[in-house]
Amino acid sequence: MPPIQRVLFVCMGNICRSPMGEALFRHHSILQGLDDVDVDSAGVGAWHAGESPDHRMRQTAQQFGVVVEGEARKIRKKDLLHFDLILCSDVDILEQVLALGGDEDRTKLMLDYHPELEGQDVPDPYYGGADGFKDVFHMLDEACRSLVESIASGRQS
């Protein structure tokens, strides 16, 4: 796989899991000195287009010193060509992205980079309580940290 310069996180409506992944990837990239990696997020649906990320997700991230910003948007066909790596929150989202024309080699699950949860879905915390948002934060934090370290070590080789 060529060097990763552009990463897209995708979930259902782009207000919980994917903006959290984007924010955590950006946070760990800055810490590793990978400021040149482009990161974005999107949803497979446009229900929340133009809205800010879920306030519960932002509050959870803020507790750990991470800022979640952005505006929800729907994934576009051109995203499938632009991004080197597309990370989907769960198998259903992955299948939808592949059906849009996503490349199987560049489209993976967000937790494929988690050392203990590879191949698993990130649960959607939208209808749950605060604990669900914290669980998602910790899952994505570990996965994003691992991915960023992998990208950084690949550049050093």
N, C-alpha and C. Protein backbone atom coordinates (compact mmCIF):
# COMPACT_ATOMS: atom_id res chain seq x y z
N MET A 1 0.85 -1.19 0.00
CA MET A 1 0.00 0.00 0.00
C MET A 1 0.89 1.25 0.00
N PRO A 2 0.58 2.21 -0.88
CA PRO A 2 1.37 3.45 -0.91
C PRO A 2 1.23 4.23 0.40
N PRO A 3 2.10 5.19 0.63
CA PRO A 3 2.03 5.98 1.87
C PRO A 3 0.65 6.63 2.04
N ILE A 4 0.20 6.69 3.27
CA ILE A 4 -1.11 7.26 3.58
C ILE A 4 -0.97 8.76 3.82
N GLN A 5 -1.63 9.55 2.97
CA GLN A 5 -1.62 11.00 3.09
C GLN A 5 -2.99 11.58 3.39
N ARG A 6 -4.06 10.79 3.11
CA ARG A 6 -5.42 11.27 3.27
C ARG A 6 -6.28 10.15 3.87
N VAL A 7 -6.94 10.45 5.00
CA VAL A 7 -7.76 9.46 5.72
C VAL A 7 -9.17 10.02 5.90
N LEU A 8 -10.17 9.17 5.61
CA LEU A 8 -11.57 9.54 5.79
C LEU A 8 -12.22 8.56 6.75
N PHE A 9 -12.91 9.09 7.77
CA PHE A 9 -13.69 8.30 8.71
C PHE A 9 -15.15 8.39 8.32
N VAL A 10 -15.86 7.24 8.28
CA VAL A 10 -17.25 7.23 7.83
C VAL A 10 -18.12 6.47 8.84
N CYS A 11 -19.25 7.08 9.20
CA CYS A 11 -20.25 6.40 10.03
C CYS A 11 -21.62 6.65 9.41
N MET A 12 -22.67 6.49 10.19
CA MET A 12 -24.04 6.60 9.65
C MET A 12 -24.37 8.04 9.27
N GLY A 13 -24.39 8.96 10.23
CA GLY A 13 -24.82 10.33 9.96
C GLY A 13 -23.76 11.38 10.13
N ASN A 14 -22.53 10.97 10.46
CA ASN A 14 -21.39 11.89 10.61
C ASN A 14 -21.56 12.86 11.77
N ILE A 15 -22.13 12.37 12.87
CA ILE A 15 -22.23 13.24 14.06
C ILE A 15 -21.65 12.61 15.32
N CYS A 16 -21.33 11.31 15.30
CA CYS A 16 -20.78 10.67 16.51
C CYS A 16 -19.44 10.00 16.23
N ARG A 17 -19.48 8.82 15.65
CA ARG A 17 -18.27 8.00 15.52
C ARG A 17 -17.25 8.58 14.54
N SER A 18 -17.68 8.99 13.36
CA SER A 18 -16.69 9.47 12.39
C SER A 18 -16.07 10.81 12.78
N PRO A 19 -16.81 11.79 13.32
CA PRO A 19 -16.12 13.01 13.75
C PRO A 19 -15.18 12.75 14.94
N MET A 20 -15.54 11.77 15.79
CA MET A 20 -14.64 11.42 16.88
C MET A 20 -13.36 10.80 16.34
N GLY A 21 -13.50 9.90 15.36
CA GLY A 21 -12.31 9.32 14.73
C GLY A 21 -11.44 10.38 14.08
N GLU A 22 -12.08 11.29 13.36
CA GLU A 22 -11.34 12.39 12.72
C GLU A 22 -10.58 13.20 13.76
N ALA A 23 -11.25 13.58 14.84
CA ALA A 23 -10.62 14.41 15.87
C ALA A 23 -9.46 13.68 16.55
N LEU A 24 -9.65 12.40 16.86
CA LEU A 24 -8.59 11.64 17.53
C LEU A 24 -7.42 11.39 16.59
N PHE A 25 -7.70 11.12 15.33
CA PHE A 25 -6.61 10.94 14.37
C PHE A 25 -5.81 12.24 14.25
N ARG A 26 -6.51 13.35 14.14
CA ARG A 26 -5.83 14.65 14.05
C ARG A 26 -5.00 14.92 15.31
N HIS A 27 -5.57 14.64 16.48
CA HIS A 27 -4.90 14.84 17.76
C HIS A 27 -3.59 14.04 17.82
N HIS A 28 -3.67 12.75 17.49
CA HIS A 28 -2.47 11.91 17.55
C HIS A 28 -1.48 12.23 16.43
N SER A 29 -1.97 12.67 15.28
CA SER A 29 -1.08 13.07 14.19
C SER A 29 -0.23 14.26 14.60
N ILE A 30 -0.86 15.22 15.23
CA ILE A 30 -0.12 16.41 15.68
C ILE A 30 0.93 16.01 16.70
N LEU A 31 0.57 15.14 17.63
CA LEU A 31 1.52 14.67 18.65
C LEU A 31 2.71 13.94 18.03
N GLN A 32 2.47 13.25 16.90
CA GLN A 32 3.53 12.49 16.22
C GLN A 32 4.24 13.32 15.15
N GLY A 33 3.83 14.58 14.97
CA GLY A 33 4.45 15.43 13.96
C GLY A 33 4.01 15.11 12.53
N LEU A 34 2.84 14.54 12.37
CA LEU A 34 2.31 14.23 11.04
C LEU A 34 1.26 15.26 10.64
N ASP A 35 1.60 16.51 10.72
CA ASP A 35 0.66 17.58 10.44
C ASP A 35 0.21 17.62 8.98
N ASP A 36 0.92 16.92 8.10
CA ASP A 36 0.63 16.98 6.67
C ASP A 36 -0.39 15.93 6.22
N VAL A 37 -0.86 15.06 7.12
CA VAL A 37 -1.86 14.07 6.73
C VAL A 37 -3.24 14.73 6.78
N ASP A 38 -3.95 14.64 5.66
CA ASP A 38 -5.29 15.22 5.52
C ASP A 38 -6.30 14.25 6.11
N VAL A 39 -7.16 14.72 7.00
CA VAL A 39 -8.17 13.86 7.61
C VAL A 39 -9.53 14.54 7.55
N ASP A 40 -10.56 13.76 7.32
CA ASP A 40 -11.92 14.28 7.21
C ASP A 40 -12.88 13.18 7.68
N SER A 41 -14.14 13.50 7.74
CA SER A 41 -15.15 12.51 8.09
C SER A 41 -16.42 12.78 7.29
N ALA A 42 -17.24 11.72 7.18
CA ALA A 42 -18.49 11.82 6.43
C ALA A 42 -19.44 10.74 6.93
N GLY A 43 -20.68 10.83 6.48
CA GLY A 43 -21.68 9.82 6.81
C GLY A 43 -22.25 9.22 5.54
N VAL A 44 -22.83 8.04 5.64
CA VAL A 44 -23.47 7.44 4.46
C VAL A 44 -24.84 8.07 4.21
N GLY A 45 -25.38 8.75 5.22
CA GLY A 45 -26.66 9.44 5.07
C GLY A 45 -26.49 10.93 5.25
N ALA A 46 -27.45 11.68 4.75
CA ALA A 46 -27.38 13.15 4.82
C ALA A 46 -28.34 13.74 5.84
N TRP A 47 -28.87 12.89 6.75
CA TRP A 47 -29.88 13.36 7.71
C TRP A 47 -29.40 14.53 8.54
N HIS A 48 -28.12 14.56 8.88
CA HIS A 48 -27.59 15.60 9.77
C HIS A 48 -26.69 16.59 9.02
N ALA A 49 -26.71 16.58 7.71
CA ALA A 49 -25.83 17.45 6.92
C ALA A 49 -25.90 18.89 7.42
N GLY A 50 -24.75 19.47 7.62
CA GLY A 50 -24.65 20.85 8.08
C GLY A 50 -24.66 21.01 9.60
N GLU A 51 -24.98 19.95 10.33
CA GLU A 51 -25.02 20.03 11.80
C GLU A 51 -23.63 19.81 12.39
N SER A 52 -23.46 20.31 13.61
CA SER A 52 -22.24 20.06 14.37
C SER A 52 -22.27 18.63 14.90
N PRO A 53 -21.10 18.08 15.26
CA PRO A 53 -21.09 16.76 15.89
C PRO A 53 -21.96 16.76 17.16
N ASP A 54 -22.48 15.60 17.51
CA ASP A 54 -23.33 15.42 18.68
C ASP A 54 -22.68 16.04 19.92
N HIS A 55 -23.46 16.80 20.68
CA HIS A 55 -22.90 17.51 21.85
C HIS A 55 -22.35 16.54 22.89
N ARG A 56 -22.91 15.35 23.00
CA ARG A 56 -22.41 14.36 23.96
C ARG A 56 -21.03 13.85 23.54
N MET A 57 -20.82 13.70 22.25
CA MET A 57 -19.52 13.27 21.73
C MET A 57 -18.49 14.36 21.98
N ARG A 58 -18.87 15.62 21.73
CA ARG A 58 -17.95 16.74 21.96
C ARG A 58 -17.59 16.85 23.43
N GLN A 59 -18.59 16.70 24.31
CA GLN A 59 -18.33 16.80 25.76
C GLN A 59 -17.41 15.68 26.23
N THR A 60 -17.64 14.48 25.75
CA THR A 60 -16.78 13.35 26.12
C THR A 60 -15.35 13.61 25.70
N ALA A 61 -15.16 14.01 24.47
CA ALA A 61 -13.81 14.28 23.97
C ALA A 61 -13.15 15.40 24.77
N GLN A 62 -13.91 16.42 25.08
CA GLN A 62 -13.37 17.56 25.83
C GLN A 62 -12.84 17.12 27.19
N GLN A 63 -13.48 16.14 27.81
CA GLN A 63 -13.02 15.62 29.11
C GLN A 63 -11.59 15.07 29.02
N PHE A 64 -11.20 14.64 27.82
CA PHE A 64 -9.88 14.05 27.62
C PHE A 64 -8.95 14.97 26.83
N GLY A 65 -9.33 16.25 26.70
CA GLY A 65 -8.48 17.23 26.04
C GLY A 65 -8.47 17.17 24.53
N VAL A 66 -9.51 16.59 23.94
CA VAL A 66 -9.60 16.48 22.48
C VAL A 66 -10.78 17.32 22.00
N VAL A 67 -10.55 18.09 20.96
CA VAL A 67 -11.59 18.95 20.41
C VAL A 67 -12.21 18.29 19.18
N VAL A 68 -13.53 18.16 19.20
CA VAL A 68 -14.27 17.61 18.06
C VAL A 68 -15.03 18.77 17.41
N GLU A 69 -14.67 19.04 16.16
CA GLU A 69 -15.31 20.13 15.43
C GLU A 69 -15.85 19.59 14.12
N GLY A 70 -16.35 20.47 13.31
CA GLY A 70 -16.77 20.09 11.97
C GLY A 70 -18.25 20.26 11.74
N GLU A 71 -18.63 19.82 10.56
CA GLU A 71 -20.01 19.93 10.11
C GLU A 71 -20.33 18.65 9.35
N ALA A 72 -21.41 18.00 9.73
CA ALA A 72 -21.78 16.72 9.11
C ALA A 72 -21.99 16.88 7.61
N ARG A 73 -21.56 15.86 6.89
CA ARG A 73 -21.76 15.82 5.44
C ARG A 73 -21.89 14.37 4.99
N LYS A 74 -22.45 14.19 3.83
CA LYS A 74 -22.59 12.86 3.25
C LYS A 74 -21.36 12.54 2.40
N ILE A 75 -20.96 11.27 2.43
CA ILE A 75 -19.82 10.85 1.60
C ILE A 75 -20.15 11.09 0.13
N ARG A 76 -19.12 11.45 -0.63
CA ARG A 76 -19.29 11.72 -2.07
C ARG A 76 -18.45 10.74 -2.87
N LYS A 77 -18.85 10.49 -4.09
CA LYS A 77 -18.10 9.59 -4.97
C LYS A 77 -16.63 10.01 -5.07
N LYS A 78 -16.38 11.31 -5.15
CA LYS A 78 -15.00 11.77 -5.31
C LYS A 78 -14.16 11.45 -4.06
N ASP A 79 -14.81 11.29 -2.90
CA ASP A 79 -14.07 10.88 -1.70
C ASP A 79 -13.42 9.52 -1.89
N LEU A 80 -14.10 8.65 -2.62
CA LEU A 80 -13.60 7.29 -2.83
C LEU A 80 -12.30 7.28 -3.61
N LEU A 81 -12.08 8.30 -4.41
CA LEU A 81 -10.84 8.42 -5.18
C LEU A 81 -9.79 9.26 -4.46
N HIS A 82 -10.25 10.25 -3.72
CA HIS A 82 -9.34 11.20 -3.07
C HIS A 82 -8.58 10.60 -1.88
N PHE A 83 -9.27 9.82 -1.06
CA PHE A 83 -8.67 9.36 0.20
C PHE A 83 -7.91 8.04 0.02
N ASP A 84 -6.74 7.98 0.65
CA ASP A 84 -5.89 6.78 0.60
C ASP A 84 -6.43 5.68 1.50
N LEU A 85 -7.12 6.07 2.55
CA LEU A 85 -7.65 5.11 3.51
C LEU A 85 -9.02 5.59 3.96
N ILE A 86 -10.02 4.72 3.85
CA ILE A 86 -11.38 5.04 4.28
C ILE A 86 -11.73 4.08 5.40
N LEU A 87 -11.98 4.62 6.58
CA LEU A 87 -12.24 3.82 7.78
C LEU A 87 -13.71 3.92 8.15
N CYS A 88 -14.37 2.78 8.16
CA CYS A 88 -15.81 2.70 8.40
C CYS A 88 -16.08 2.22 9.83
N SER A 89 -17.14 2.74 10.43
CA SER A 89 -17.45 2.45 11.82
C SER A 89 -17.92 1.02 12.04
N ASP A 90 -18.57 0.41 11.06
CA ASP A 90 -19.06 -0.95 11.24
C ASP A 90 -19.20 -1.64 9.88
N VAL A 91 -19.49 -2.93 9.91
CA VAL A 91 -19.55 -3.72 8.69
C VAL A 91 -20.64 -3.21 7.74
N ASP A 92 -21.77 -2.77 8.28
CA ASP A 92 -22.85 -2.25 7.43
C ASP A 92 -22.38 -1.01 6.66
N ILE A 93 -21.71 -0.12 7.35
CA ILE A 93 -21.19 1.10 6.69
C ILE A 93 -20.13 0.71 5.67
N LEU A 94 -19.26 -0.22 6.01
CA LEU A 94 -18.23 -0.69 5.10
C LEU A 94 -18.86 -1.22 3.81
N GLU A 95 -19.89 -2.03 3.94
CA GLU A 95 -20.57 -2.58 2.76
C GLU A 95 -21.21 -1.48 1.92
N GLN A 96 -21.77 -0.47 2.57
CA GLN A 96 -22.36 0.65 1.83
C GLN A 96 -21.31 1.44 1.07
N VAL A 97 -20.15 1.66 1.69
CA VAL A 97 -19.07 2.39 1.03
C VAL A 97 -18.54 1.58 -0.15
N LEU A 98 -18.38 0.28 0.03
CA LEU A 98 -17.92 -0.56 -1.08
C LEU A 98 -18.93 -0.57 -2.21
N ALA A 99 -20.22 -0.57 -1.88
CA ALA A 99 -21.28 -0.54 -2.90
C ALA A 99 -21.26 0.77 -3.70
N LEU A 100 -20.78 1.84 -3.09
CA LEU A 100 -20.65 3.13 -3.79
C LEU A 100 -19.47 3.12 -4.76
N GLY A 101 -18.61 2.12 -4.62
CA GLY A 101 -17.44 2.03 -5.49
C GLY A 101 -16.13 2.13 -4.75
N GLY A 102 -16.17 2.01 -3.44
CA GLY A 102 -14.94 2.06 -2.64
C GLY A 102 -14.02 0.90 -2.98
N ASP A 103 -12.75 1.12 -2.88
CA ASP A 103 -11.71 0.13 -3.16
C ASP A 103 -11.51 -0.74 -1.92
N GLU A 104 -11.63 -2.06 -2.09
CA GLU A 104 -11.51 -2.97 -0.95
C GLU A 104 -10.17 -2.87 -0.25
N ASP A 105 -9.11 -2.55 -0.98
CA ASP A 105 -7.78 -2.45 -0.37
C ASP A 105 -7.62 -1.19 0.48
N ARG A 106 -8.44 -0.17 0.20
CA ARG A 106 -8.30 1.10 0.93
C ARG A 106 -9.46 1.36 1.88
N THR A 107 -10.43 0.45 1.93
CA THR A 107 -11.61 0.63 2.78
C THR A 107 -11.58 -0.42 3.87
N LYS A 108 -11.52 0.03 5.12
CA LYS A 108 -11.37 -0.87 6.26
C LYS A 108 -12.30 -0.44 7.39
N LEU A 109 -12.34 -1.25 8.43
CA LEU A 109 -13.07 -0.89 9.64
C LEU A 109 -12.18 -0.02 10.53
N MET A 110 -12.77 0.92 11.24
CA MET A 110 -12.02 1.79 12.15
C MET A 110 -11.22 0.97 13.16
N LEU A 111 -11.81 -0.10 13.66
CA LEU A 111 -11.13 -0.88 14.69
C LEU A 111 -10.13 -1.89 14.14
N ASP A 112 -9.92 -1.91 12.83
CA ASP A 112 -8.88 -2.79 12.27
C ASP A 112 -7.50 -2.37 12.76
N TYR A 113 -7.38 -1.17 13.28
CA TYR A 113 -6.09 -0.69 13.79
C TYR A 113 -6.00 -0.78 15.32
N HIS A 114 -7.04 -1.27 15.95
CA HIS A 114 -7.03 -1.46 17.41
C HIS A 114 -6.35 -2.80 17.69
N PRO A 115 -5.37 -2.82 18.59
CA PRO A 115 -4.61 -4.06 18.83
C PRO A 115 -5.44 -5.23 19.39
N GLU A 116 -6.58 -4.95 19.99
CA GLU A 116 -7.38 -6.02 20.59
C GLU A 116 -8.78 -6.18 19.97
N LEU A 117 -9.21 -5.21 19.18
CA LEU A 117 -10.58 -5.24 18.66
C LEU A 117 -10.65 -5.29 17.13
N GLU A 118 -9.58 -5.71 16.49
CA GLU A 118 -9.52 -5.76 15.03
C GLU A 118 -10.71 -6.53 14.47
N GLY A 119 -11.34 -5.96 13.44
CA GLY A 119 -12.45 -6.61 12.78
C GLY A 119 -13.81 -6.38 13.42
N GLN A 120 -13.83 -5.68 14.54
CA GLN A 120 -15.09 -5.44 15.24
C GLN A 120 -15.70 -4.08 14.85
N ASP A 121 -17.00 -3.97 15.11
CA ASP A 121 -17.71 -2.73 14.87
C ASP A 121 -17.53 -1.76 16.03
N VAL A 122 -17.53 -0.48 15.73
CA VAL A 122 -17.63 0.55 16.77
C VAL A 122 -19.12 0.71 17.04
N PRO A 123 -19.57 0.46 18.28
CA PRO A 123 -21.00 0.60 18.56
C PRO A 123 -21.46 2.05 18.41
N ASP A 124 -22.68 2.22 17.94
CA ASP A 124 -23.23 3.57 17.78
C ASP A 124 -23.76 4.04 19.13
N PRO A 125 -23.18 5.08 19.71
CA PRO A 125 -23.61 5.55 21.04
C PRO A 125 -24.82 6.47 21.01
N TYR A 126 -25.34 6.80 19.82
CA TYR A 126 -26.35 7.83 19.67
C TYR A 126 -27.56 7.64 20.57
N TYR A 127 -28.06 6.42 20.70
CA TYR A 127 -29.28 6.19 21.49
C TYR A 127 -28.98 5.74 22.92
N GLY A 128 -27.72 5.72 23.30
CA GLY A 128 -27.35 5.25 24.63
C GLY A 128 -27.01 6.40 25.57
N GLY A 129 -26.42 6.05 26.68
CA GLY A 129 -26.04 7.03 27.69
C GLY A 129 -24.59 7.45 27.56
N ALA A 130 -24.13 8.19 28.55
CA ALA A 130 -22.77 8.76 28.56
C ALA A 130 -21.69 7.69 28.49
N ASP A 131 -21.93 6.54 29.11
CA ASP A 131 -20.92 5.48 29.10
C ASP A 131 -20.62 5.01 27.68
N GLY A 132 -21.63 4.98 26.83
CA GLY A 132 -21.43 4.57 25.44
C GLY A 132 -20.49 5.51 24.71
N PHE A 133 -20.59 6.79 24.97
CA PHE A 133 -19.71 7.77 24.33
C PHE A 133 -18.28 7.61 24.84
N LYS A 134 -18.12 7.34 26.12
CA LYS A 134 -16.78 7.12 26.67
C LYS A 134 -16.17 5.85 26.11
N ASP A 135 -16.97 4.79 25.99
CA ASP A 135 -16.47 3.54 25.42
C ASP A 135 -15.98 3.76 23.99
N VAL A 136 -16.78 4.46 23.20
CA VAL A 136 -16.40 4.75 21.81
C VAL A 136 -15.15 5.60 21.78
N PHE A 137 -15.06 6.59 22.65
CA PHE A 137 -13.87 7.43 22.71
C PHE A 137 -12.63 6.56 22.91
N HIS A 138 -12.65 5.69 23.90
CA HIS A 138 -11.47 4.87 24.23
C HIS A 138 -11.12 3.89 23.11
N MET A 139 -12.13 3.29 22.48
CA MET A 139 -11.89 2.38 21.35
C MET A 139 -11.19 3.13 20.21
N LEU A 140 -11.76 4.27 19.84
CA LEU A 140 -11.21 5.03 18.72
C LEU A 140 -9.87 5.66 19.07
N ASP A 141 -9.69 6.05 20.32
CA ASP A 141 -8.42 6.62 20.74
C ASP A 141 -7.29 5.61 20.53
N GLU A 142 -7.51 4.39 20.95
CA GLU A 142 -6.48 3.35 20.80
C GLU A 142 -6.25 3.02 19.33
N ALA A 143 -7.31 2.90 18.55
CA ALA A 143 -7.18 2.59 17.12
C ALA A 143 -6.44 3.72 16.38
N CYS A 144 -6.80 4.97 16.67
CA CYS A 144 -6.17 6.10 15.99
C CYS A 144 -4.71 6.25 16.40
N ARG A 145 -4.43 6.03 17.67
CA ARG A 145 -3.04 6.10 18.14
C ARG A 145 -2.21 5.04 17.39
N SER A 146 -2.73 3.85 17.28
CA SER A 146 -2.02 2.76 16.60
C SER A 146 -1.83 3.07 15.11
N LEU A 147 -2.87 3.58 14.46
CA LEU A 147 -2.77 3.92 13.04
C LEU A 147 -1.73 5.01 12.81
N VAL A 148 -1.76 6.04 13.61
CA VAL A 148 -0.81 7.14 13.46
C VAL A 148 0.62 6.65 13.69
N GLU A 149 0.81 5.81 14.69
CA GLU A 149 2.15 5.26 14.92
C GLU A 149 2.61 4.42 13.74
N SER A 150 1.70 3.67 13.13
CA SER A 150 2.03 2.86 11.96
C SER A 150 2.44 3.75 10.77
N ILE A 151 1.70 4.83 10.56
CA ILE A 151 2.03 5.76 9.47
C ILE A 151 3.38 6.40 9.74
N ALA A 152 3.61 6.85 10.98
CA ALA A 152 4.87 7.49 11.34
C ALA A 152 6.05 6.54 11.17
N SER A 153 5.89 5.30 11.59
CA SER A 153 7.01 4.35 11.47
C SER A 153 7.28 3.99 10.01
N GLY A 154 6.22 3.98 9.19
CA GLY A 154 6.40 3.73 7.76
C GLY A 154 7.18 4.82 7.07
N ARG A 155 7.06 6.02 7.56
CA ARG A 155 7.80 7.15 6.97
C ARG A 155 9.26 7.13 7.40
N GLN A 156 9.54 6.49 8.53
CA GLN A 156 10.91 6.46 9.03
C GLN A 156 11.73 5.33 8.38
N SER A 157 11.04 4.37 7.74
CA SER A 157 11.78 3.24 7.17
C SER A 157 12.47 3.61 5.88
